[in-house]
Amino acid sequence: MNDQEISSDKLSSKVNALIIIDIQEKIIRPIFNKNSIIKNIKKLINAYQILEENIFISEQNPLKLGETIPELLPKAQFKKIEKMVFSLANIQDFLNELKNKKISNLIVCGIETHICIQQTALDCLQKGFEVILISDAMGSRNRVDHDIALQRMNQSGAILTTTESIIFELCKTADRKEFKEIRNIIMS
């Protein structure tokens, strides 16, 4: 059995949540490759709203850093978490929500890879969650910080994948009635 099959099995047997970390105007301005990251997060949100239901958005110190970029707010229901700590795993309301919804897989994207994403991923792994990192839907100001953080999280047990790969994994089959919509999102 290859890694792709293992990952797909885990996705199908557990409850997933899309975790969008700190996509705020003041934070994203200096991010390396930000236009591509925004485009991929938009694809993830659009596909996720069709295929799944649990979406969480965090905002780091929104009073000073602003709110989530409006174009990246889901149309479907989502849970917003305002925070001062870097790791979402240190916020009891977040953990309670995951527990109440029996969520075990966290599909993570956002910014910055080496700060809030890394601390959240490492802490969530320690708490027993499966962490799936969407490597082309996250970033840092410096490419090296992004790359090293991905390596560290992967070595700690997080799964690395891409936007297109996770969307097709969640969809599972071209026979699914939503597949045409999903294909259109991927091709956009």
N, C-alpha and C. Protein backbone atom coordinates (compact mmCIF):
# COMPACT_ATOMS: atom_id res chain seq x y z
N MET A 1 0.85 -1.19 0.00
CA MET A 1 0.00 0.00 0.00
C MET A 1 0.89 1.24 0.00
N ASN A 2 0.66 2.17 -0.91
CA ASN A 2 1.51 3.37 -0.95
C ASN A 2 0.94 4.46 -0.05
N ASP A 3 1.70 5.56 0.11
CA ASP A 3 1.30 6.66 0.99
C ASP A 3 -0.03 7.26 0.56
N GLN A 4 -0.27 7.37 -0.74
CA GLN A 4 -1.51 7.96 -1.24
C GLN A 4 -2.71 7.14 -0.77
N GLU A 5 -2.61 5.82 -0.82
CA GLU A 5 -3.71 4.97 -0.38
C GLU A 5 -3.93 5.11 1.12
N ILE A 6 -2.86 5.18 1.88
CA ILE A 6 -2.97 5.35 3.33
C ILE A 6 -3.70 6.65 3.63
N SER A 7 -3.28 7.71 2.98
CA SER A 7 -3.89 9.02 3.19
C SER A 7 -5.37 9.00 2.81
N SER A 8 -5.69 8.42 1.66
CA SER A 8 -7.09 8.37 1.21
C SER A 8 -7.94 7.57 2.18
N ASP A 9 -7.43 6.46 2.69
CA ASP A 9 -8.16 5.66 3.66
C ASP A 9 -8.45 6.48 4.91
N LYS A 10 -7.47 7.22 5.37
CA LYS A 10 -7.67 8.03 6.56
C LYS A 10 -8.70 9.12 6.32
N LEU A 11 -8.69 9.71 5.13
CA LEU A 11 -9.66 10.76 4.83
C LEU A 11 -11.08 10.21 4.79
N SER A 12 -11.25 9.01 4.26
CA SER A 12 -12.60 8.50 4.09
C SER A 12 -13.19 7.98 5.39
N SER A 13 -12.37 7.57 6.34
CA SER A 13 -12.90 6.94 7.54
C SER A 13 -13.03 7.91 8.71
N LYS A 14 -12.61 9.13 8.55
CA LYS A 14 -12.62 10.08 9.67
C LYS A 14 -13.31 11.37 9.28
N VAL A 15 -13.57 12.18 10.28
CA VAL A 15 -14.23 13.47 10.04
C VAL A 15 -13.15 14.53 9.83
N ASN A 16 -13.28 15.27 8.74
CA ASN A 16 -12.28 16.27 8.35
C ASN A 16 -12.73 17.68 8.69
N ALA A 17 -11.74 18.56 8.86
CA ALA A 17 -12.02 20.00 8.99
C ALA A 17 -10.97 20.74 8.18
N LEU A 18 -11.42 21.78 7.48
CA LEU A 18 -10.51 22.68 6.78
C LEU A 18 -10.16 23.81 7.75
N ILE A 19 -8.88 23.97 8.03
CA ILE A 19 -8.40 24.99 8.97
C ILE A 19 -7.65 26.04 8.16
N ILE A 20 -8.19 27.26 8.12
CA ILE A 20 -7.58 28.36 7.36
C ILE A 20 -6.99 29.33 8.38
N ILE A 21 -5.68 29.41 8.39
CA ILE A 21 -4.99 30.16 9.44
C ILE A 21 -4.54 31.54 8.96
N ASP A 22 -5.08 32.57 9.60
CA ASP A 22 -4.57 33.96 9.56
C ASP A 22 -4.37 34.56 8.16
N ILE A 23 -5.35 34.44 7.30
CA ILE A 23 -5.27 35.05 5.96
C ILE A 23 -5.80 36.47 6.06
N GLN A 24 -5.02 37.32 6.71
CA GLN A 24 -5.42 38.70 6.97
C GLN A 24 -4.56 39.65 6.13
N GLU A 25 -5.18 40.77 5.75
CA GLU A 25 -4.54 41.73 4.85
C GLU A 25 -3.14 42.16 5.29
N LYS A 26 -2.97 42.55 6.54
CA LYS A 26 -1.67 43.05 6.99
C LYS A 26 -0.63 41.95 7.10
N ILE A 27 -1.08 40.73 7.30
CA ILE A 27 -0.12 39.62 7.41
C ILE A 27 0.30 39.13 6.03
N ILE A 28 -0.63 39.12 5.08
CA ILE A 28 -0.34 38.50 3.78
C ILE A 28 0.47 39.41 2.85
N ARG A 29 0.44 40.69 3.07
CA ARG A 29 1.13 41.63 2.17
C ARG A 29 2.56 41.21 1.81
N PRO A 30 3.42 40.90 2.79
CA PRO A 30 4.81 40.56 2.45
C PRO A 30 5.07 39.08 2.16
N ILE A 31 4.04 38.27 2.06
CA ILE A 31 4.22 36.82 1.92
C ILE A 31 4.71 36.45 0.53
N PHE A 32 5.74 35.61 0.50
CA PHE A 32 6.29 35.08 -0.74
C PHE A 32 5.21 34.29 -1.47
N ASN A 33 4.99 34.58 -2.75
CA ASN A 33 4.05 33.83 -3.61
C ASN A 33 2.59 33.97 -3.17
N LYS A 34 2.23 35.14 -2.62
CA LYS A 34 0.90 35.31 -2.02
C LYS A 34 -0.25 35.15 -3.02
N ASN A 35 -0.09 35.57 -4.26
CA ASN A 35 -1.19 35.46 -5.22
C ASN A 35 -1.57 34.00 -5.49
N SER A 36 -0.57 33.16 -5.61
CA SER A 36 -0.80 31.73 -5.81
C SER A 36 -1.45 31.11 -4.56
N ILE A 37 -1.00 31.52 -3.39
CA ILE A 37 -1.56 31.00 -2.13
C ILE A 37 -3.04 31.38 -2.03
N ILE A 38 -3.36 32.64 -2.30
CA ILE A 38 -4.75 33.10 -2.24
C ILE A 38 -5.61 32.32 -3.24
N LYS A 39 -5.12 32.14 -4.45
CA LYS A 39 -5.86 31.40 -5.48
C LYS A 39 -6.14 29.95 -5.02
N ASN A 40 -5.13 29.31 -4.44
CA ASN A 40 -5.30 27.92 -3.99
C ASN A 40 -6.24 27.82 -2.79
N ILE A 41 -6.17 28.77 -1.86
CA ILE A 41 -7.08 28.74 -0.73
C ILE A 41 -8.51 28.94 -1.21
N LYS A 42 -8.70 29.80 -2.18
CA LYS A 42 -10.03 30.03 -2.75
C LYS A 42 -10.57 28.72 -3.36
N LYS A 43 -9.72 27.99 -4.08
CA LYS A 43 -10.12 26.69 -4.65
C LYS A 43 -10.50 25.72 -3.54
N LEU A 44 -9.67 25.67 -2.49
CA LEU A 44 -9.96 24.77 -1.37
C LEU A 44 -11.31 25.08 -0.74
N ILE A 45 -11.55 26.36 -0.48
CA ILE A 45 -12.82 26.76 0.14
C ILE A 45 -13.99 26.38 -0.77
N ASN A 46 -13.90 26.70 -2.05
CA ASN A 46 -14.99 26.41 -2.98
C ASN A 46 -15.28 24.91 -3.06
N ALA A 47 -14.24 24.11 -3.16
CA ALA A 47 -14.42 22.66 -3.23
C ALA A 47 -14.90 22.11 -1.90
N TYR A 48 -14.32 22.59 -0.83
CA TYR A 48 -14.67 22.07 0.50
C TYR A 48 -16.14 22.33 0.83
N GLN A 49 -16.65 23.48 0.42
CA GLN A 49 -18.05 23.81 0.67
C GLN A 49 -18.99 22.85 -0.05
N ILE A 50 -18.54 22.27 -1.14
CA ILE A 50 -19.35 21.31 -1.89
C ILE A 50 -19.23 19.91 -1.26
N LEU A 51 -18.03 19.55 -0.83
CA LEU A 51 -17.75 18.17 -0.43
C LEU A 51 -17.82 17.89 1.08
N GLU A 52 -17.55 18.88 1.89
CA GLU A 52 -17.45 18.68 3.34
C GLU A 52 -18.19 19.78 4.06
N GLU A 53 -18.06 19.85 5.40
CA GLU A 53 -18.83 20.86 6.10
C GLU A 53 -18.11 21.64 7.19
N ASN A 54 -17.02 21.17 7.71
CA ASN A 54 -16.38 21.82 8.85
C ASN A 54 -15.25 22.74 8.41
N ILE A 55 -15.50 24.04 8.50
CA ILE A 55 -14.49 25.03 8.13
C ILE A 55 -14.23 25.94 9.33
N PHE A 56 -12.95 26.10 9.65
CA PHE A 56 -12.53 26.99 10.74
C PHE A 56 -11.59 28.03 10.16
N ILE A 57 -11.77 29.28 10.58
CA ILE A 57 -10.89 30.36 10.15
C ILE A 57 -10.34 31.02 11.41
N SER A 58 -9.01 31.16 11.47
CA SER A 58 -8.44 31.88 12.61
C SER A 58 -7.95 33.25 12.17
N GLU A 59 -7.95 34.17 13.12
CA GLU A 59 -7.42 35.51 12.89
C GLU A 59 -6.51 35.86 14.05
N GLN A 60 -5.28 36.19 13.72
CA GLN A 60 -4.29 36.59 14.72
C GLN A 60 -4.46 38.08 15.03
N ASN A 61 -4.77 38.38 16.28
CA ASN A 61 -4.88 39.77 16.74
C ASN A 61 -5.59 40.66 15.71
N PRO A 62 -6.86 40.37 15.41
CA PRO A 62 -7.55 41.09 14.34
C PRO A 62 -7.69 42.61 14.57
N LEU A 63 -7.65 43.05 15.80
CA LEU A 63 -7.72 44.49 16.06
C LEU A 63 -6.54 45.23 15.43
N LYS A 64 -5.36 44.61 15.45
CA LYS A 64 -4.17 45.24 14.87
C LYS A 64 -3.86 44.77 13.46
N LEU A 65 -4.18 43.51 13.16
CA LEU A 65 -3.78 42.94 11.87
C LEU A 65 -4.93 42.83 10.86
N GLY A 66 -6.12 43.25 11.26
CA GLY A 66 -7.25 43.22 10.36
C GLY A 66 -7.93 41.86 10.32
N GLU A 67 -9.02 41.82 9.58
CA GLU A 67 -9.81 40.60 9.47
C GLU A 67 -9.38 39.78 8.25
N THR A 68 -9.96 38.61 8.13
CA THR A 68 -9.70 37.74 6.99
C THR A 68 -10.04 38.48 5.70
N ILE A 69 -9.21 38.29 4.67
CA ILE A 69 -9.46 38.88 3.37
C ILE A 69 -10.87 38.48 2.93
N PRO A 70 -11.74 39.45 2.61
CA PRO A 70 -13.15 39.14 2.31
C PRO A 70 -13.34 38.07 1.23
N GLU A 71 -12.52 38.05 0.19
CA GLU A 71 -12.69 37.06 -0.88
C GLU A 71 -12.41 35.63 -0.40
N LEU A 72 -11.80 35.49 0.79
CA LEU A 72 -11.50 34.16 1.31
C LEU A 72 -12.42 33.76 2.47
N LEU A 73 -13.53 34.46 2.60
CA LEU A 73 -14.53 34.05 3.58
C LEU A 73 -15.49 33.07 2.91
N PRO A 74 -15.67 31.88 3.49
CA PRO A 74 -16.59 30.91 2.88
C PRO A 74 -18.02 31.44 2.84
N LYS A 75 -18.76 30.99 1.83
CA LYS A 75 -20.19 31.33 1.75
C LYS A 75 -20.98 30.46 2.72
N ALA A 76 -20.50 29.25 2.92
CA ALA A 76 -21.16 28.32 3.84
C ALA A 76 -20.79 28.68 5.29
N GLN A 77 -21.43 27.99 6.20
CA GLN A 77 -21.18 28.23 7.62
C GLN A 77 -19.73 27.88 7.96
N PHE A 78 -19.13 28.72 8.82
CA PHE A 78 -17.78 28.44 9.30
C PHE A 78 -17.65 28.98 10.71
N LYS A 79 -16.62 28.54 11.40
CA LYS A 79 -16.36 28.99 12.76
C LYS A 79 -15.12 29.88 12.73
N LYS A 80 -15.26 31.11 13.24
CA LYS A 80 -14.12 32.03 13.29
C LYS A 80 -13.53 32.04 14.70
N ILE A 81 -12.21 31.99 14.77
CA ILE A 81 -11.51 31.99 16.04
C ILE A 81 -10.52 33.15 16.04
N GLU A 82 -10.74 34.09 16.94
CA GLU A 82 -9.79 35.19 17.11
C GLU A 82 -8.79 34.77 18.18
N LYS A 83 -7.52 35.08 17.94
CA LYS A 83 -6.50 34.58 18.86
C LYS A 83 -5.34 35.56 19.02
N MET A 84 -4.65 35.39 20.12
CA MET A 84 -3.39 36.09 20.36
C MET A 84 -2.25 35.06 20.39
N VAL A 85 -2.55 33.84 20.82
CA VAL A 85 -1.56 32.77 20.84
C VAL A 85 -1.30 32.32 19.40
N PHE A 86 -0.14 31.74 19.15
CA PHE A 86 0.19 31.30 17.79
C PHE A 86 -0.47 29.96 17.44
N SER A 87 -0.57 29.06 18.42
CA SER A 87 -1.12 27.73 18.16
C SER A 87 -2.60 27.67 18.47
N LEU A 88 -3.38 27.26 17.48
CA LEU A 88 -4.82 27.04 17.71
C LEU A 88 -5.07 25.94 18.74
N ALA A 89 -4.11 25.04 18.91
CA ALA A 89 -4.26 23.93 19.86
C ALA A 89 -4.24 24.41 21.30
N ASN A 90 -3.92 25.67 21.51
CA ASN A 90 -3.95 26.25 22.86
C ASN A 90 -5.26 26.98 23.15
N ILE A 91 -6.23 26.85 22.26
CA ILE A 91 -7.52 27.52 22.43
C ILE A 91 -8.57 26.45 22.73
N GLN A 92 -9.06 26.45 23.95
CA GLN A 92 -9.97 25.39 24.40
C GLN A 92 -11.26 25.34 23.59
N ASP A 93 -11.81 26.50 23.19
CA ASP A 93 -13.04 26.49 22.38
C ASP A 93 -12.84 25.75 21.06
N PHE A 94 -11.69 25.94 20.45
CA PHE A 94 -11.34 25.24 19.21
C PHE A 94 -11.29 23.74 19.44
N LEU A 95 -10.56 23.33 20.48
CA LEU A 95 -10.44 21.89 20.79
C LEU A 95 -11.81 21.28 21.13
N ASN A 96 -12.63 22.02 21.87
CA ASN A 96 -13.97 21.52 22.22
C ASN A 96 -14.82 21.32 20.97
N GLU A 97 -14.74 22.27 20.04
CA GLU A 97 -15.51 22.18 18.79
C GLU A 97 -15.08 20.94 17.99
N LEU A 98 -13.76 20.70 17.91
CA LEU A 98 -13.25 19.51 17.21
C LEU A 98 -13.77 18.24 17.88
N LYS A 99 -13.71 18.22 19.20
CA LYS A 99 -14.17 17.05 19.95
C LYS A 99 -15.67 16.83 19.75
N ASN A 100 -16.46 17.89 19.87
CA ASN A 100 -17.92 17.78 19.74
C ASN A 100 -18.34 17.27 18.36
N LYS A 101 -17.59 17.66 17.33
CA LYS A 101 -17.92 17.24 15.97
C LYS A 101 -17.18 15.96 15.56
N LYS A 102 -16.42 15.39 16.50
CA LYS A 102 -15.65 14.15 16.27
C LYS A 102 -14.67 14.30 15.10
N ILE A 103 -14.09 15.49 14.99
CA ILE A 103 -13.13 15.77 13.93
C ILE A 103 -11.77 15.20 14.32
N SER A 104 -11.18 14.43 13.41
CA SER A 104 -9.87 13.84 13.69
C SER A 104 -8.82 14.23 12.66
N ASN A 105 -9.24 14.68 11.49
CA ASN A 105 -8.31 15.10 10.42
C ASN A 105 -8.38 16.60 10.23
N LEU A 106 -7.23 17.25 10.28
CA LEU A 106 -7.16 18.69 10.09
C LEU A 106 -6.45 18.97 8.77
N ILE A 107 -7.16 19.59 7.84
CA ILE A 107 -6.60 19.97 6.55
C ILE A 107 -6.23 21.44 6.67
N VAL A 108 -4.93 21.73 6.69
CA VAL A 108 -4.44 23.05 7.11
C VAL A 108 -3.86 23.84 5.95
N CYS A 109 -4.24 25.14 5.89
CA CYS A 109 -3.65 26.08 4.94
C CYS A 109 -3.58 27.45 5.61
N GLY A 110 -2.90 28.41 4.97
CA GLY A 110 -2.85 29.76 5.52
C GLY A 110 -1.44 30.30 5.62
N ILE A 111 -1.26 31.22 6.58
CA ILE A 111 0.05 31.86 6.78
C ILE A 111 0.30 32.10 8.26
N GLU A 112 1.44 32.26 8.74
CA GLU A 112 2.70 31.93 8.12
C GLU A 112 3.07 30.50 8.47
N THR A 113 3.66 29.81 7.51
CA THR A 113 3.98 28.39 7.66
C THR A 113 4.84 28.13 8.89
N HIS A 114 5.86 28.96 9.10
CA HIS A 114 6.83 28.68 10.16
C HIS A 114 6.41 29.21 11.53
N ILE A 115 5.27 29.88 11.62
CA ILE A 115 4.85 30.40 12.93
C ILE A 115 3.54 29.73 13.34
N CYS A 116 2.42 30.33 13.01
CA CYS A 116 1.13 29.82 13.49
C CYS A 116 0.78 28.44 12.94
N ILE A 117 1.09 28.20 11.66
CA ILE A 117 0.79 26.89 11.10
C ILE A 117 1.66 25.82 11.77
N GLN A 118 2.95 26.07 11.85
CA GLN A 118 3.85 25.07 12.44
C GLN A 118 3.48 24.79 13.90
N GLN A 119 3.25 25.82 14.69
CA GLN A 119 2.93 25.58 16.10
C GLN A 119 1.60 24.86 16.25
N THR A 120 0.61 25.23 15.44
CA THR A 120 -0.68 24.54 15.48
C THR A 120 -0.52 23.08 15.06
N ALA A 121 0.19 22.84 13.97
CA ALA A 121 0.37 21.47 13.46
C ALA A 121 1.09 20.58 14.48
N LEU A 122 2.20 21.07 15.01
CA LEU A 122 2.97 20.26 15.96
C LEU A 122 2.14 19.96 17.21
N ASP A 123 1.43 20.96 17.72
CA ASP A 123 0.61 20.75 18.92
C ASP A 123 -0.56 19.82 18.63
N CYS A 124 -1.18 19.94 17.48
CA CYS A 124 -2.30 19.06 17.13
C CYS A 124 -1.84 17.62 16.91
N LEU A 125 -0.67 17.45 16.33
CA LEU A 125 -0.11 16.10 16.18
C LEU A 125 0.08 15.47 17.57
N GLN A 126 0.60 16.26 18.49
CA GLN A 126 0.81 15.77 19.87
C GLN A 126 -0.51 15.36 20.52
N LYS A 127 -1.59 16.03 20.14
CA LYS A 127 -2.90 15.73 20.71
C LYS A 127 -3.62 14.60 19.97
N GLY A 128 -2.96 14.01 18.98
CA GLY A 128 -3.51 12.84 18.31
C GLY A 128 -4.29 13.09 17.03
N PHE A 129 -4.28 14.32 16.53
CA PHE A 129 -4.97 14.62 15.28
C PHE A 129 -4.09 14.23 14.09
N GLU A 130 -4.74 13.88 13.00
CA GLU A 130 -4.06 13.71 11.71
C GLU A 130 -3.97 15.11 11.11
N VAL A 131 -2.77 15.55 10.74
CA VAL A 131 -2.59 16.89 10.18
C VAL A 131 -2.14 16.77 8.74
N ILE A 132 -2.93 17.37 7.84
CA ILE A 132 -2.64 17.33 6.41
C ILE A 132 -2.35 18.75 5.98
N LEU A 133 -1.13 19.00 5.54
CA LEU A 133 -0.67 20.34 5.18
C LEU A 133 -0.80 20.55 3.67
N ILE A 134 -1.49 21.61 3.28
CA ILE A 134 -1.65 21.92 1.86
C ILE A 134 -0.51 22.87 1.50
N SER A 135 0.59 22.28 1.06
CA SER A 135 1.86 23.01 0.92
C SER A 135 1.82 24.17 -0.06
N ASP A 136 0.96 24.11 -1.08
CA ASP A 136 0.88 25.21 -2.04
C ASP A 136 -0.22 26.21 -1.68
N ALA A 137 -0.81 26.05 -0.50
CA ALA A 137 -1.84 26.98 -0.02
C ALA A 137 -1.42 27.56 1.33
N MET A 138 -0.11 27.65 1.52
CA MET A 138 0.43 28.26 2.73
C MET A 138 1.77 28.89 2.39
N GLY A 139 2.20 29.82 3.22
CA GLY A 139 3.46 30.48 2.94
C GLY A 139 3.97 31.31 4.09
N SER A 140 5.18 31.82 3.88
CA SER A 140 5.87 32.68 4.83
C SER A 140 6.47 33.85 4.06
N ARG A 141 6.98 34.83 4.78
CA ARG A 141 7.63 35.96 4.12
C ARG A 141 8.87 35.49 3.37
N ASN A 142 9.60 34.55 3.95
CA ASN A 142 10.82 34.02 3.33
C ASN A 142 10.61 32.57 2.94
N ARG A 143 11.01 32.24 1.73
CA ARG A 143 10.85 30.88 1.21
C ARG A 143 11.52 29.84 2.11
N VAL A 144 12.71 30.17 2.63
CA VAL A 144 13.44 29.20 3.46
C VAL A 144 12.65 28.87 4.73
N ASP A 145 11.99 29.85 5.34
CA ASP A 145 11.19 29.58 6.54
C ASP A 145 10.05 28.62 6.21
N HIS A 146 9.40 28.84 5.08
CA HIS A 146 8.31 27.97 4.63
C HIS A 146 8.83 26.55 4.41
N ASP A 147 9.92 26.42 3.66
CA ASP A 147 10.45 25.09 3.32
C ASP A 147 10.90 24.31 4.55
N ILE A 148 11.62 24.97 5.45
CA ILE A 148 12.12 24.29 6.66
C ILE A 148 10.95 23.89 7.56
N ALA A 149 9.95 24.77 7.70
CA ALA A 149 8.79 24.44 8.52
C ALA A 149 8.04 23.22 7.96
N LEU A 150 7.89 23.14 6.63
CA LEU A 150 7.24 21.97 6.03
C LEU A 150 8.03 20.70 6.35
N GLN A 151 9.35 20.77 6.24
CA GLN A 151 10.19 19.60 6.55
C GLN A 151 10.00 19.19 8.01
N ARG A 152 10.04 20.18 8.90
CA ARG A 152 9.92 19.87 10.34
C ARG A 152 8.57 19.22 10.65
N MET A 153 7.49 19.79 10.12
CA MET A 153 6.16 19.24 10.39
C MET A 153 6.00 17.85 9.78
N ASN A 154 6.54 17.65 8.58
CA ASN A 154 6.49 16.35 7.93
C ASN A 154 7.26 15.31 8.75
N GLN A 155 8.42 15.67 9.23
CA GLN A 155 9.21 14.75 10.05
C GLN A 155 8.52 14.42 11.37
N SER A 156 7.64 15.31 11.80
CA SER A 156 6.90 15.09 13.06
C SER A 156 5.61 14.31 12.84
N GLY A 157 5.29 14.00 11.58
CA GLY A 157 4.13 13.16 11.31
C GLY A 157 3.03 13.79 10.48
N ALA A 158 3.16 15.06 10.12
CA ALA A 158 2.15 15.69 9.26
C ALA A 158 2.30 15.17 7.83
N ILE A 159 1.18 15.14 7.11
CA ILE A 159 1.17 14.69 5.72
C ILE A 159 1.22 15.93 4.82
N LEU A 160 2.12 15.93 3.85
CA LEU A 160 2.21 17.03 2.89
C LEU A 160 1.46 16.66 1.62
N THR A 161 0.70 17.61 1.12
CA THR A 161 0.02 17.41 -0.15
C THR A 161 -0.19 18.77 -0.82
N THR A 162 -0.95 18.78 -1.91
CA THR A 162 -1.21 20.02 -2.64
C THR A 162 -2.72 20.25 -2.73
N THR A 163 -3.07 21.42 -3.16
CA THR A 163 -4.48 21.81 -3.30
C THR A 163 -5.24 20.82 -4.19
N GLU A 164 -4.74 20.60 -5.39
CA GLU A 164 -5.43 19.73 -6.33
C GLU A 164 -5.53 18.31 -5.80
N SER A 165 -4.46 17.82 -5.22
CA SER A 165 -4.44 16.46 -4.69
C SER A 165 -5.50 16.26 -3.60
N ILE A 166 -5.58 17.18 -2.65
CA ILE A 166 -6.53 17.00 -1.55
C ILE A 166 -7.97 17.13 -2.04
N ILE A 167 -8.21 18.01 -2.99
CA ILE A 167 -9.57 18.16 -3.52
C ILE A 167 -10.03 16.86 -4.18
N PHE A 168 -9.16 16.25 -4.99
CA PHE A 168 -9.54 14.98 -5.63
C PHE A 168 -9.66 13.86 -4.60
N GLU A 169 -8.83 13.87 -3.55
CA GLU A 169 -8.95 12.86 -2.50
C GLU A 169 -10.29 12.97 -1.79
N LEU A 170 -10.70 14.19 -1.50
CA LEU A 170 -11.99 14.39 -0.84
C LEU A 170 -13.16 14.00 -1.75
N CYS A 171 -13.02 14.25 -3.05
CA CYS A 171 -14.06 13.93 -4.02
C CYS A 171 -14.18 12.41 -4.22
N LYS A 172 -13.07 11.72 -4.26
CA LYS A 172 -12.95 10.26 -4.35
C LYS A 172 -13.27 9.63 -5.70
N THR A 173 -14.25 10.15 -6.44
CA THR A 173 -14.65 9.49 -7.68
C THR A 173 -15.21 10.50 -8.68
N ALA A 174 -14.99 10.22 -9.96
CA ALA A 174 -15.56 11.06 -11.01
C ALA A 174 -17.05 10.77 -11.20
N ASP A 175 -17.55 9.69 -10.58
CA ASP A 175 -18.97 9.35 -10.65
C ASP A 175 -19.82 10.23 -9.73
N ARG A 176 -19.18 10.90 -8.82
CA ARG A 176 -19.90 11.73 -7.86
C ARG A 176 -20.62 12.88 -8.57
N LYS A 177 -21.86 13.17 -8.17
CA LYS A 177 -22.65 14.20 -8.86
C LYS A 177 -21.98 15.57 -8.82
N GLU A 178 -21.18 15.84 -7.80
CA GLU A 178 -20.51 17.15 -7.68
C GLU A 178 -19.23 17.24 -8.50
N PHE A 179 -18.84 16.15 -9.17
CA PHE A 179 -17.53 16.13 -9.82
C PHE A 179 -17.36 17.24 -10.86
N LYS A 180 -18.39 17.52 -11.63
CA LYS A 180 -18.27 18.56 -12.66
C LYS A 180 -17.94 19.91 -12.01
N GLU A 181 -18.63 20.22 -10.91
CA GLU A 181 -18.35 21.46 -10.18
C GLU A 181 -16.91 21.47 -9.67
N ILE A 182 -16.48 20.34 -9.13
CA ILE A 182 -15.13 20.22 -8.59
C ILE A 182 -14.10 20.40 -9.72
N ARG A 183 -14.34 19.75 -10.85
CA ARG A 183 -13.42 19.89 -11.99
C ARG A 183 -13.31 21.35 -12.43
N ASN A 184 -14.43 22.05 -12.45
CA ASN A 184 -14.43 23.47 -12.83
C ASN A 184 -13.63 24.31 -11.84
N ILE A 185 -13.70 23.98 -10.57
CA ILE A 185 -12.92 24.70 -9.56
C ILE A 185 -11.42 24.46 -9.81
N ILE A 186 -11.05 23.22 -10.03
CA ILE A 186 -9.64 22.87 -10.26
C ILE A 186 -9.11 23.60 -11.50
N MET A 187 -9.90 23.65 -12.55
CA MET A 187 -9.45 24.23 -13.81
C MET A 187 -9.46 25.77 -13.82
N SER A 188 -10.07 26.38 -12.82
CA SER A 188 -10.15 27.84 -12.80
C SER A 188 -8.81 28.51 -12.50
